[in-house]
Amino acid sequence: MIFALWMSDQAAKNGLISEPSKAAATVETKPKKRICCACPDTKKLRDECIVEHGESACTKWIEAHKMCLRAEGFNV
């Protein structure tokens, strides 16, 4: 058993097999801003539309703001 672990470790070091932890690792990017400060342009348009016309009439601006937030790294 110890020999088998040593052999797989040696093979990984020599690049013969990949280490599962490195292959399975995914890099998640954290947002660089706070959500309240991200996407001020779409936020302003969304908020003005909701105040003037109501939420149900502003789905275009709401979705645009969500897309901008997702592009900034937020999970909305």
N, C-alpha and C. Protein backbone atom coordinates (compact mmCIF):
# COMPACT_ATOMS: atom_id res chain seq x y z
N MET A 1 0.83 -1.19 0.00
CA MET A 1 0.00 0.00 0.00
C MET A 1 0.87 1.25 0.00
N ILE A 2 1.87 1.31 0.85
CA ILE A 2 2.75 2.47 0.91
C ILE A 2 3.52 2.61 -0.40
N PHE A 3 3.95 1.49 -0.97
CA PHE A 3 4.67 1.52 -2.23
C PHE A 3 3.78 2.10 -3.34
N ALA A 4 2.50 1.72 -3.35
CA ALA A 4 1.56 2.22 -4.36
C ALA A 4 1.37 3.73 -4.22
N LEU A 5 1.28 4.22 -3.00
CA LEU A 5 1.15 5.66 -2.78
C LEU A 5 2.41 6.39 -3.22
N TRP A 6 3.55 5.81 -2.92
CA TRP A 6 4.82 6.41 -3.32
C TRP A 6 4.94 6.45 -4.83
N MET A 7 4.52 5.38 -5.50
CA MET A 7 4.61 5.32 -6.96
C MET A 7 3.68 6.36 -7.60
N SER A 8 2.46 6.50 -7.08
CA SER A 8 1.55 7.47 -7.67
C SER A 8 2.05 8.89 -7.40
N ASP A 9 2.67 9.11 -6.24
CA ASP A 9 3.24 10.41 -5.93
C ASP A 9 4.40 10.72 -6.87
N GLN A 10 5.24 9.73 -7.12
CA GLN A 10 6.37 9.92 -8.03
C GLN A 10 5.88 10.18 -9.45
N ALA A 11 4.87 9.46 -9.88
CA ALA A 11 4.33 9.66 -11.22
C ALA A 11 3.74 11.06 -11.36
N ALA A 12 3.08 11.53 -10.32
CA ALA A 12 2.52 12.88 -10.35
C ALA A 12 3.63 13.92 -10.42
N LYS A 13 4.70 13.71 -9.66
CA LYS A 13 5.82 14.65 -9.67
C LYS A 13 6.50 14.69 -11.03
N ASN A 14 6.55 13.56 -11.69
CA ASN A 14 7.20 13.48 -13.00
C ASN A 14 6.27 13.93 -14.13
N GLY A 15 5.04 14.28 -13.80
CA GLY A 15 4.10 14.75 -14.81
C GLY A 15 3.41 13.63 -15.58
N LEU A 16 3.55 12.41 -15.11
CA LEU A 16 2.93 11.29 -15.81
C LEU A 16 1.44 11.22 -15.56
N ILE A 17 1.02 11.62 -14.39
CA ILE A 17 -0.42 11.70 -14.10
C ILE A 17 -0.67 13.05 -13.46
N SER A 18 -1.88 13.54 -13.63
CA SER A 18 -2.19 14.84 -13.04
C SER A 18 -2.77 14.63 -11.65
N GLU A 19 -2.54 15.59 -10.82
CA GLU A 19 -3.09 15.53 -9.46
C GLU A 19 -4.54 15.95 -9.51
N PRO A 20 -5.44 15.15 -8.94
CA PRO A 20 -6.86 15.47 -9.01
C PRO A 20 -7.22 16.80 -8.38
N SER A 21 -6.51 17.19 -7.33
CA SER A 21 -6.85 18.44 -6.67
C SER A 21 -6.56 19.63 -7.57
N LYS A 22 -5.51 19.56 -8.37
CA LYS A 22 -5.19 20.65 -9.27
C LYS A 22 -6.10 20.64 -10.48
N ALA A 23 -6.45 19.48 -10.98
CA ALA A 23 -7.29 19.38 -12.16
C ALA A 23 -8.72 19.80 -11.85
N ALA A 24 -9.20 19.50 -10.66
CA ALA A 24 -10.58 19.79 -10.31
C ALA A 24 -10.77 21.19 -9.74
N ALA A 25 -9.68 21.85 -9.44
CA ALA A 25 -9.79 23.17 -8.83
C ALA A 25 -10.31 24.18 -9.85
N THR A 26 -11.30 24.95 -9.43
CA THR A 26 -11.82 26.01 -10.27
C THR A 26 -11.58 27.32 -9.56
N VAL A 27 -11.29 28.33 -10.34
CA VAL A 27 -11.00 29.63 -9.77
C VAL A 27 -12.27 30.48 -9.85
N GLU A 28 -12.75 30.92 -8.69
CA GLU A 28 -13.90 31.80 -8.65
C GLU A 28 -13.40 33.21 -8.43
N THR A 29 -13.92 34.13 -9.23
CA THR A 29 -13.51 35.51 -9.07
C THR A 29 -14.48 36.22 -8.15
N LYS A 30 -13.93 36.89 -7.17
CA LYS A 30 -14.76 37.66 -6.25
C LYS A 30 -14.97 39.05 -6.85
N PRO A 31 -16.15 39.61 -6.59
CA PRO A 31 -16.39 40.98 -7.07
C PRO A 31 -15.38 41.94 -6.45
N LYS A 32 -14.95 42.92 -7.23
CA LYS A 32 -13.96 43.88 -6.76
C LYS A 32 -14.62 45.07 -6.07
N LYS A 33 -15.95 45.19 -6.26
CA LYS A 33 -16.68 46.31 -5.68
C LYS A 33 -17.79 45.76 -4.81
N ARG A 34 -18.37 46.65 -4.03
CA ARG A 34 -19.58 46.26 -3.30
C ARG A 34 -20.74 46.36 -4.28
N ILE A 35 -21.78 45.57 -4.06
CA ILE A 35 -22.88 45.51 -5.01
C ILE A 35 -23.59 46.86 -5.15
N CYS A 36 -23.60 47.64 -4.10
CA CYS A 36 -24.26 48.95 -4.17
C CYS A 36 -23.50 49.94 -5.05
N CYS A 37 -22.22 49.69 -5.27
CA CYS A 37 -21.39 50.61 -6.05
C CYS A 37 -21.14 50.13 -7.48
N ALA A 38 -21.53 48.91 -7.77
CA ALA A 38 -21.30 48.35 -9.09
C ALA A 38 -22.41 48.80 -10.05
N CYS A 39 -22.08 49.00 -11.29
CA CYS A 39 -23.02 49.31 -12.37
C CYS A 39 -23.90 50.52 -12.08
N PRO A 40 -23.32 51.67 -11.83
CA PRO A 40 -24.14 52.84 -11.48
C PRO A 40 -25.06 53.31 -12.61
N ASP A 41 -24.64 53.14 -13.86
CA ASP A 41 -25.47 53.59 -14.98
C ASP A 41 -26.76 52.79 -15.09
N THR A 42 -26.64 51.47 -15.08
CA THR A 42 -27.84 50.65 -15.21
C THR A 42 -28.69 50.73 -13.95
N LYS A 43 -28.04 50.94 -12.81
CA LYS A 43 -28.80 51.09 -11.56
C LYS A 43 -29.66 52.35 -11.61
N LYS A 44 -29.10 53.43 -12.10
CA LYS A 44 -29.83 54.69 -12.19
C LYS A 44 -31.02 54.55 -13.12
N LEU A 45 -30.81 53.97 -14.30
CA LEU A 45 -31.89 53.79 -15.26
C LEU A 45 -33.00 52.89 -14.69
N ARG A 46 -32.58 51.81 -14.03
CA ARG A 46 -33.54 50.90 -13.42
C ARG A 46 -34.36 51.60 -12.36
N ASP A 47 -33.70 52.33 -11.47
CA ASP A 47 -34.39 53.00 -10.37
C ASP A 47 -35.35 54.09 -10.87
N GLU A 48 -34.91 54.87 -11.85
CA GLU A 48 -35.78 55.92 -12.40
C GLU A 48 -37.01 55.31 -13.06
N CYS A 49 -36.83 54.24 -13.79
CA CYS A 49 -37.95 53.58 -14.45
C CYS A 49 -38.95 53.04 -13.44
N ILE A 50 -38.45 52.41 -12.38
CA ILE A 50 -39.34 51.83 -11.37
C ILE A 50 -40.13 52.93 -10.66
N VAL A 51 -39.50 54.05 -10.36
CA VAL A 51 -40.19 55.15 -9.69
C VAL A 51 -41.28 55.73 -10.60
N GLU A 52 -40.97 55.90 -11.88
CA GLU A 52 -41.91 56.53 -12.79
C GLU A 52 -43.01 55.59 -13.29
N HIS A 53 -42.65 54.32 -13.55
CA HIS A 53 -43.58 53.42 -14.24
C HIS A 53 -43.97 52.17 -13.46
N GLY A 54 -43.30 51.87 -12.38
CA GLY A 54 -43.57 50.65 -11.62
C GLY A 54 -42.69 49.51 -12.07
N GLU A 55 -42.47 48.57 -11.18
CA GLU A 55 -41.54 47.47 -11.43
C GLU A 55 -41.93 46.61 -12.63
N SER A 56 -43.22 46.34 -12.79
CA SER A 56 -43.65 45.45 -13.87
C SER A 56 -43.38 46.02 -15.26
N ALA A 57 -43.27 47.33 -15.38
CA ALA A 57 -43.02 47.95 -16.68
C ALA A 57 -41.53 48.10 -16.98
N CYS A 58 -40.67 47.70 -16.07
CA CYS A 58 -39.23 47.98 -16.22
C CYS A 58 -38.37 46.73 -16.29
N THR A 59 -38.92 45.64 -16.74
CA THR A 59 -38.15 44.39 -16.76
C THR A 59 -36.91 44.51 -17.64
N LYS A 60 -36.98 45.32 -18.70
CA LYS A 60 -35.82 45.52 -19.58
C LYS A 60 -34.64 46.10 -18.80
N TRP A 61 -34.90 47.12 -18.00
CA TRP A 61 -33.83 47.77 -17.23
C TRP A 61 -33.38 46.92 -16.05
N ILE A 62 -34.31 46.20 -15.45
CA ILE A 62 -33.96 45.31 -14.34
C ILE A 62 -33.02 44.22 -14.82
N GLU A 63 -33.36 43.61 -15.95
CA GLU A 63 -32.51 42.55 -16.51
C GLU A 63 -31.16 43.09 -16.96
N ALA A 64 -31.14 44.29 -17.52
CA ALA A 64 -29.87 44.91 -17.93
C ALA A 64 -28.97 45.12 -16.73
N HIS A 65 -29.55 45.54 -15.61
CA HIS A 65 -28.75 45.76 -14.40
C HIS A 65 -28.24 44.43 -13.84
N LYS A 66 -29.08 43.40 -13.87
CA LYS A 66 -28.64 42.08 -13.41
C LYS A 66 -27.50 41.56 -14.26
N MET A 67 -27.58 41.75 -15.57
CA MET A 67 -26.51 41.28 -16.46
C MET A 67 -25.21 42.01 -16.16
N CYS A 68 -25.31 43.31 -15.89
CA CYS A 68 -24.12 44.08 -15.55
C CYS A 68 -23.51 43.58 -14.24
N LEU A 69 -24.35 43.30 -13.25
CA LEU A 69 -23.86 42.80 -11.95
C LEU A 69 -23.19 41.44 -12.11
N ARG A 70 -23.77 40.58 -12.94
CA ARG A 70 -23.16 39.26 -13.18
C ARG A 70 -21.80 39.43 -13.85
N ALA A 71 -21.69 40.37 -14.76
CA ALA A 71 -20.41 40.62 -15.42
C ALA A 71 -19.36 41.12 -14.43
N GLU A 72 -19.80 41.77 -13.37
CA GLU A 72 -18.90 42.24 -12.32
C GLU A 72 -18.54 41.16 -11.32
N GLY A 73 -19.18 39.99 -11.44
CA GLY A 73 -18.84 38.87 -10.56
C GLY A 73 -19.86 38.57 -9.47
N PHE A 74 -20.99 39.24 -9.49
CA PHE A 74 -22.02 39.01 -8.47
C PHE A 74 -22.93 37.87 -8.92
N ASN A 75 -23.43 37.11 -7.96
CA ASN A 75 -24.33 36.01 -8.23
C ASN A 75 -25.76 36.45 -7.95
N VAL A 76 -26.39 37.08 -8.97
CA VAL A 76 -27.78 37.55 -8.82
C VAL A 76 -28.67 36.89 -9.84
